[in-house]
Amino acid sequence: MLTLSYGFKKPESGDKGTVFFPALEDNAQQVNDHSHNGTNSARLTTLAMTALTSDVLSASWVDQGSGVYRQLISMPAGLAFDEVAIGFRETVSTNTAYLNVEKVSSNSYYAYTNDSTKSFKAYYTS
């Protein structure tokens, strides 16, 4: 039996059931318990993740007075406001933007800006 990086076991020619099946059981347990932290499995990078986003369109800003505009944003299905970090980028320049947000419900929030001519993309990470 050959032990691979991160502890997985690979059968070699001639490994019989007395060695093979316990190794198979250990591998199944390790697959169940791994965390992609670089210790018990390969580290998961941001390149391996699919970004969940929402569009924040300039046409949807609502004037709140005093030069403040807000927009109600519904988060993608399966996300909860209290369990994610929300970042914004300008749609045209892709510059990072710092919008204020206010929770409305578990999966929606208001975003606030002082420039109603700009559109943004909201990025969610957990």
N, C-alpha and C. Protein backbone atom coordinates (compact mmCIF):
# COMPACT_ATOMS: atom_id res chain seq x y z
N MET A 1 0.87 -1.17 0.00
CA MET A 1 0.00 0.00 0.00
C MET A 1 0.91 1.23 0.00
N LEU A 2 0.62 2.16 -0.88
CA LEU A 2 1.39 3.38 -1.00
C LEU A 2 0.58 4.52 -0.37
N THR A 3 1.17 5.25 0.57
CA THR A 3 0.50 6.39 1.18
C THR A 3 0.89 7.65 0.42
N LEU A 4 -0.10 8.33 -0.13
CA LEU A 4 0.10 9.53 -0.94
C LEU A 4 0.15 10.78 -0.05
N SER A 5 0.44 11.90 -0.68
CA SER A 5 0.40 13.16 0.07
C SER A 5 -0.99 13.34 0.65
N TYR A 6 -1.08 13.97 1.78
CA TYR A 6 -2.32 14.20 2.53
C TYR A 6 -2.90 12.91 3.09
N GLY A 7 -2.16 11.79 3.04
CA GLY A 7 -2.57 10.57 3.73
C GLY A 7 -3.46 9.62 2.99
N PHE A 8 -3.83 9.89 1.77
CA PHE A 8 -4.65 8.94 1.02
C PHE A 8 -3.82 7.69 0.71
N LYS A 9 -4.50 6.56 0.62
CA LYS A 9 -3.81 5.28 0.41
C LYS A 9 -4.12 4.76 -0.99
N LYS A 10 -3.06 4.35 -1.69
CA LYS A 10 -3.20 3.83 -3.05
C LYS A 10 -2.74 2.38 -3.07
N PRO A 11 -3.64 1.48 -3.49
CA PRO A 11 -3.26 0.07 -3.56
C PRO A 11 -2.16 -0.15 -4.60
N GLU A 12 -1.31 -1.10 -4.33
CA GLU A 12 -0.27 -1.50 -5.27
C GLU A 12 -0.57 -2.92 -5.72
N SER A 13 0.09 -3.34 -6.77
CA SER A 13 -0.12 -4.71 -7.27
C SER A 13 0.09 -5.70 -6.13
N GLY A 14 -0.83 -6.60 -6.00
CA GLY A 14 -0.70 -7.64 -5.00
C GLY A 14 -1.37 -7.33 -3.67
N ASP A 15 -1.85 -6.10 -3.46
CA ASP A 15 -2.55 -5.80 -2.21
C ASP A 15 -3.87 -6.55 -2.19
N LYS A 16 -4.10 -7.30 -1.14
CA LYS A 16 -5.28 -8.15 -1.01
C LYS A 16 -6.34 -7.46 -0.16
N GLY A 17 -7.46 -8.11 -0.02
CA GLY A 17 -8.60 -7.57 0.71
C GLY A 17 -8.29 -7.18 2.14
N THR A 18 -7.38 -7.92 2.81
CA THR A 18 -7.07 -7.59 4.21
C THR A 18 -6.41 -6.22 4.34
N VAL A 19 -5.76 -5.75 3.30
CA VAL A 19 -5.13 -4.43 3.30
C VAL A 19 -5.99 -3.44 2.53
N PHE A 20 -6.57 -3.90 1.44
CA PHE A 20 -7.29 -3.03 0.52
C PHE A 20 -8.53 -2.42 1.14
N PHE A 21 -9.38 -3.21 1.76
CA PHE A 21 -10.65 -2.70 2.26
C PHE A 21 -10.49 -1.74 3.45
N PRO A 22 -9.60 -1.99 4.39
CA PRO A 22 -9.37 -0.96 5.42
C PRO A 22 -8.85 0.36 4.83
N ALA A 23 -7.99 0.26 3.80
CA ALA A 23 -7.48 1.48 3.14
C ALA A 23 -8.62 2.21 2.44
N LEU A 24 -9.50 1.49 1.78
CA LEU A 24 -10.66 2.08 1.11
C LEU A 24 -11.55 2.80 2.13
N GLU A 25 -11.75 2.18 3.28
CA GLU A 25 -12.54 2.79 4.34
C GLU A 25 -11.86 4.06 4.86
N ASP A 26 -10.54 4.01 5.06
CA ASP A 26 -9.80 5.20 5.51
C ASP A 26 -9.90 6.34 4.49
N ASN A 27 -9.78 6.02 3.21
CA ASN A 27 -9.89 7.04 2.16
C ASN A 27 -11.27 7.68 2.14
N ALA A 28 -12.32 6.86 2.30
CA ALA A 28 -13.69 7.39 2.33
C ALA A 28 -13.87 8.34 3.51
N GLN A 29 -13.32 7.98 4.66
CA GLN A 29 -13.41 8.85 5.84
C GLN A 29 -12.66 10.15 5.61
N GLN A 30 -11.48 10.07 5.00
CA GLN A 30 -10.70 11.27 4.76
C GLN A 30 -11.39 12.20 3.76
N VAL A 31 -12.01 11.64 2.73
CA VAL A 31 -12.76 12.46 1.77
C VAL A 31 -13.90 13.17 2.50
N ASN A 32 -14.54 12.48 3.42
CA ASN A 32 -15.63 13.07 4.18
C ASN A 32 -15.14 14.20 5.10
N ASP A 33 -13.97 14.05 5.69
CA ASP A 33 -13.50 14.96 6.74
C ASP A 33 -12.58 16.07 6.26
N HIS A 34 -12.15 16.07 5.01
CA HIS A 34 -11.15 17.05 4.58
C HIS A 34 -11.71 18.47 4.57
N SER A 35 -10.81 19.46 4.64
CA SER A 35 -11.25 20.85 4.72
C SER A 35 -10.58 21.78 3.71
N HIS A 36 -9.75 21.26 2.81
CA HIS A 36 -9.02 22.08 1.84
C HIS A 36 -8.17 23.15 2.51
N ASN A 37 -7.61 22.82 3.66
CA ASN A 37 -6.81 23.78 4.41
C ASN A 37 -5.31 23.64 4.16
N GLY A 38 -4.92 22.75 3.28
CA GLY A 38 -3.50 22.55 2.99
C GLY A 38 -2.84 21.54 3.90
N THR A 39 -3.51 21.09 4.95
CA THR A 39 -2.95 20.11 5.88
C THR A 39 -3.49 18.72 5.57
N ASN A 40 -4.81 18.58 5.52
CA ASN A 40 -5.40 17.27 5.27
C ASN A 40 -5.92 17.13 3.84
N SER A 41 -5.69 18.11 3.02
CA SER A 41 -6.06 18.08 1.59
C SER A 41 -5.45 19.31 0.94
N ALA A 42 -5.47 19.33 -0.38
CA ALA A 42 -4.90 20.48 -1.10
C ALA A 42 -5.66 21.76 -0.76
N ARG A 43 -4.92 22.86 -0.61
CA ARG A 43 -5.54 24.15 -0.30
C ARG A 43 -6.41 24.58 -1.48
N LEU A 44 -7.62 25.02 -1.17
CA LEU A 44 -8.53 25.50 -2.18
C LEU A 44 -8.26 26.99 -2.41
N THR A 45 -8.05 27.38 -3.64
CA THR A 45 -7.77 28.78 -3.96
C THR A 45 -9.01 29.47 -4.50
N THR A 46 -8.98 30.77 -4.53
CA THR A 46 -10.12 31.53 -5.06
C THR A 46 -10.34 31.26 -6.54
N LEU A 47 -9.31 30.82 -7.25
CA LEU A 47 -9.48 30.51 -8.67
C LEU A 47 -10.40 29.31 -8.88
N ALA A 48 -10.57 28.49 -7.85
CA ALA A 48 -11.41 27.30 -7.96
C ALA A 48 -12.87 27.59 -7.61
N MET A 49 -13.17 28.80 -7.21
CA MET A 49 -14.52 29.13 -6.78
C MET A 49 -15.28 29.89 -7.87
N THR A 50 -16.57 29.69 -7.91
CA THR A 50 -17.43 30.44 -8.80
C THR A 50 -18.03 31.60 -8.01
N ALA A 51 -17.85 32.79 -8.52
CA ALA A 51 -18.35 33.97 -7.82
C ALA A 51 -19.87 34.07 -7.98
N LEU A 52 -20.54 34.36 -6.90
CA LEU A 52 -21.97 34.65 -6.94
C LEU A 52 -22.10 36.17 -6.92
N THR A 53 -22.90 36.69 -7.83
CA THR A 53 -22.99 38.13 -7.98
C THR A 53 -24.42 38.60 -8.13
N SER A 54 -24.61 39.90 -7.93
CA SER A 54 -25.87 40.59 -8.23
C SER A 54 -25.52 41.86 -8.98
N ASP A 55 -26.36 42.24 -9.92
CA ASP A 55 -26.17 43.50 -10.62
C ASP A 55 -26.87 44.61 -9.84
N VAL A 56 -26.19 45.74 -9.72
CA VAL A 56 -26.72 46.92 -9.06
C VAL A 56 -26.76 47.99 -10.15
N LEU A 57 -27.91 48.13 -10.81
CA LEU A 57 -28.02 48.96 -12.00
C LEU A 57 -28.29 50.42 -11.68
N SER A 58 -27.69 51.31 -12.47
CA SER A 58 -27.86 52.75 -12.23
C SER A 58 -29.32 53.18 -12.37
N ALA A 59 -30.07 52.53 -13.23
CA ALA A 59 -31.48 52.90 -13.44
C ALA A 59 -32.37 52.58 -12.24
N SER A 60 -31.88 51.79 -11.29
CA SER A 60 -32.70 51.36 -10.16
C SER A 60 -32.47 52.15 -8.88
N TRP A 61 -31.60 53.14 -8.89
CA TRP A 61 -31.37 53.94 -7.68
C TRP A 61 -32.60 54.78 -7.38
N VAL A 62 -32.96 54.88 -6.12
CA VAL A 62 -34.11 55.68 -5.68
C VAL A 62 -33.58 56.81 -4.80
N ASP A 63 -33.94 58.03 -5.15
CA ASP A 63 -33.47 59.22 -4.43
C ASP A 63 -34.06 59.24 -3.02
N GLN A 64 -33.18 59.34 -2.02
CA GLN A 64 -33.61 59.40 -0.62
C GLN A 64 -33.50 60.82 -0.07
N GLY A 65 -33.08 61.77 -0.91
CA GLY A 65 -32.87 63.15 -0.47
C GLY A 65 -31.46 63.34 0.04
N SER A 66 -31.02 64.58 0.11
CA SER A 66 -29.69 64.94 0.60
C SER A 66 -28.56 64.28 -0.18
N GLY A 67 -28.78 63.98 -1.48
CA GLY A 67 -27.73 63.40 -2.31
C GLY A 67 -27.47 61.92 -2.05
N VAL A 68 -28.40 61.23 -1.41
CA VAL A 68 -28.25 59.81 -1.11
C VAL A 68 -29.26 59.02 -1.94
N TYR A 69 -28.78 57.92 -2.52
CA TYR A 69 -29.62 57.04 -3.32
C TYR A 69 -29.50 55.63 -2.77
N ARG A 70 -30.61 54.88 -2.84
CA ARG A 70 -30.55 53.50 -2.37
C ARG A 70 -31.27 52.59 -3.35
N GLN A 71 -30.96 51.30 -3.22
CA GLN A 71 -31.53 50.30 -4.10
C GLN A 71 -31.69 49.00 -3.32
N LEU A 72 -32.84 48.36 -3.47
CA LEU A 72 -33.08 47.07 -2.83
C LEU A 72 -32.47 45.98 -3.70
N ILE A 73 -31.64 45.13 -3.08
CA ILE A 73 -30.95 44.06 -3.81
C ILE A 73 -31.33 42.72 -3.20
N SER A 74 -31.76 41.81 -4.06
CA SER A 74 -32.02 40.44 -3.64
C SER A 74 -30.78 39.61 -3.91
N MET A 75 -30.36 38.86 -2.92
CA MET A 75 -29.15 38.05 -3.05
C MET A 75 -29.45 36.79 -3.84
N PRO A 76 -28.42 36.18 -4.47
CA PRO A 76 -28.63 34.91 -5.18
C PRO A 76 -29.20 33.84 -4.25
N ALA A 77 -29.95 32.93 -4.82
CA ALA A 77 -30.59 31.85 -4.04
C ALA A 77 -29.56 31.10 -3.22
N GLY A 78 -29.94 30.79 -1.98
CA GLY A 78 -29.08 30.00 -1.11
C GLY A 78 -28.15 30.81 -0.23
N LEU A 79 -28.08 32.13 -0.45
CA LEU A 79 -27.21 32.96 0.38
C LEU A 79 -28.02 33.66 1.46
N ALA A 80 -27.39 33.90 2.59
CA ALA A 80 -28.02 34.62 3.69
C ALA A 80 -27.14 35.82 4.06
N PHE A 81 -27.76 36.96 4.27
CA PHE A 81 -27.06 38.21 4.53
C PHE A 81 -26.04 38.07 5.66
N ASP A 82 -26.41 37.41 6.73
CA ASP A 82 -25.54 37.29 7.90
C ASP A 82 -24.40 36.29 7.73
N GLU A 83 -24.36 35.58 6.60
CA GLU A 83 -23.36 34.54 6.41
C GLU A 83 -22.38 34.83 5.28
N VAL A 84 -22.44 36.01 4.69
CA VAL A 84 -21.55 36.34 3.57
C VAL A 84 -20.91 37.70 3.77
N ALA A 85 -19.80 37.90 3.07
CA ALA A 85 -19.20 39.23 2.93
C ALA A 85 -19.61 39.75 1.56
N ILE A 86 -19.93 41.02 1.49
CA ILE A 86 -20.38 41.62 0.24
C ILE A 86 -19.36 42.66 -0.20
N GLY A 87 -18.89 42.53 -1.41
CA GLY A 87 -17.98 43.51 -1.99
C GLY A 87 -18.59 44.06 -3.27
N PHE A 88 -18.18 45.26 -3.65
CA PHE A 88 -18.73 45.89 -4.85
C PHE A 88 -17.62 46.34 -5.77
N ARG A 89 -17.88 46.27 -7.07
CA ARG A 89 -16.99 46.81 -8.10
C ARG A 89 -17.84 47.61 -9.08
N GLU A 90 -17.28 48.71 -9.57
CA GLU A 90 -17.96 49.48 -10.60
C GLU A 90 -18.04 48.62 -11.85
N THR A 91 -19.16 48.65 -12.53
CA THR A 91 -19.35 47.82 -13.72
C THR A 91 -18.44 48.26 -14.86
N VAL A 92 -18.30 49.56 -15.08
CA VAL A 92 -17.52 50.06 -16.22
C VAL A 92 -16.02 49.95 -15.98
N SER A 93 -15.53 50.46 -14.86
CA SER A 93 -14.09 50.50 -14.61
C SER A 93 -13.57 49.30 -13.83
N THR A 94 -14.43 48.55 -13.23
CA THR A 94 -14.13 47.43 -12.32
C THR A 94 -13.33 47.86 -11.09
N ASN A 95 -13.32 49.15 -10.79
CA ASN A 95 -12.70 49.63 -9.56
C ASN A 95 -13.52 49.18 -8.36
N THR A 96 -12.84 48.91 -7.26
CA THR A 96 -13.54 48.57 -6.04
C THR A 96 -14.35 49.77 -5.57
N ALA A 97 -15.57 49.51 -5.12
CA ALA A 97 -16.45 50.57 -4.62
C ALA A 97 -16.84 50.22 -3.19
N TYR A 98 -17.06 51.24 -2.40
CA TYR A 98 -17.41 51.04 -0.99
C TYR A 98 -18.80 51.60 -0.74
N LEU A 99 -19.79 50.74 -0.93
CA LEU A 99 -21.18 51.14 -0.73
C LEU A 99 -21.61 50.75 0.68
N ASN A 100 -22.44 51.57 1.27
CA ASN A 100 -23.04 51.20 2.55
C ASN A 100 -24.18 50.24 2.28
N VAL A 101 -24.38 49.29 3.18
CA VAL A 101 -25.48 48.34 3.04
C VAL A 101 -26.28 48.30 4.34
N GLU A 102 -27.55 47.95 4.20
CA GLU A 102 -28.46 47.82 5.34
C GLU A 102 -29.31 46.58 5.12
N LYS A 103 -29.29 45.67 6.07
CA LYS A 103 -30.07 44.43 5.97
C LYS A 103 -31.56 44.76 5.96
N VAL A 104 -32.28 44.14 5.02
CA VAL A 104 -33.73 44.26 4.96
C VAL A 104 -34.37 42.95 5.41
N SER A 105 -33.84 41.83 4.90
CA SER A 105 -34.31 40.51 5.30
C SER A 105 -33.12 39.56 5.25
N SER A 106 -33.35 38.28 5.46
CA SER A 106 -32.24 37.34 5.47
C SER A 106 -31.55 37.22 4.12
N ASN A 107 -32.25 37.59 3.03
CA ASN A 107 -31.63 37.47 1.71
C ASN A 107 -31.78 38.72 0.84
N SER A 108 -31.99 39.87 1.45
CA SER A 108 -32.04 41.12 0.70
C SER A 108 -31.51 42.26 1.56
N TYR A 109 -31.06 43.31 0.88
CA TYR A 109 -30.49 44.45 1.58
C TYR A 109 -30.60 45.70 0.72
N TYR A 110 -30.47 46.86 1.37
CA TYR A 110 -30.36 48.11 0.64
C TYR A 110 -28.88 48.43 0.46
N ALA A 111 -28.53 48.90 -0.73
CA ALA A 111 -27.19 49.43 -0.98
C ALA A 111 -27.38 50.94 -1.16
N TYR A 112 -26.44 51.71 -0.64
CA TYR A 112 -26.52 53.17 -0.69
C TYR A 112 -25.33 53.75 -1.45
N THR A 113 -25.59 54.81 -2.21
CA THR A 113 -24.53 55.52 -2.92
C THR A 113 -24.86 57.01 -2.97
N ASN A 114 -23.87 57.81 -3.37
CA ASN A 114 -24.10 59.23 -3.58
C ASN A 114 -24.02 59.59 -5.06
N ASP A 115 -23.87 58.58 -5.93
CA ASP A 115 -23.77 58.79 -7.38
C ASP A 115 -24.70 57.83 -8.10
N SER A 116 -25.86 58.33 -8.49
CA SER A 116 -26.88 57.47 -9.10
C SER A 116 -26.60 57.16 -10.57
N THR A 117 -25.50 57.67 -11.11
CA THR A 117 -25.17 57.39 -12.52
C THR A 117 -24.36 56.12 -12.68
N LYS A 118 -23.91 55.55 -11.60
CA LYS A 118 -23.03 54.38 -11.67
C LYS A 118 -23.77 53.08 -11.42
N SER A 119 -23.34 52.04 -12.15
CA SER A 119 -23.81 50.68 -11.93
C SER A 119 -22.67 49.90 -11.27
N PHE A 120 -23.04 48.90 -10.47
CA PHE A 120 -22.06 48.10 -9.74
C PHE A 120 -22.40 46.63 -9.88
N LYS A 121 -21.45 45.81 -9.50
CA LYS A 121 -21.68 44.38 -9.37
C LYS A 121 -21.33 44.02 -7.93
N ALA A 122 -22.26 43.35 -7.27
CA ALA A 122 -22.04 42.89 -5.89
C ALA A 122 -21.49 41.47 -5.94
N TYR A 123 -20.41 41.21 -5.17
CA TYR A 123 -19.79 39.89 -5.09
C TYR A 123 -19.98 39.35 -3.68
N TYR A 124 -20.35 38.08 -3.59
CA TYR A 124 -20.64 37.46 -2.30
C TYR A 124 -19.61 36.36 -2.02
N THR A 125 -19.04 36.38 -0.83
CA THR A 125 -18.14 35.31 -0.40
C THR A 125 -18.53 34.87 1.00
N SER A 126 -18.35 33.58 1.24
CA SER A 126 -18.70 33.08 2.57
C SER A 126 -17.48 32.52 3.25
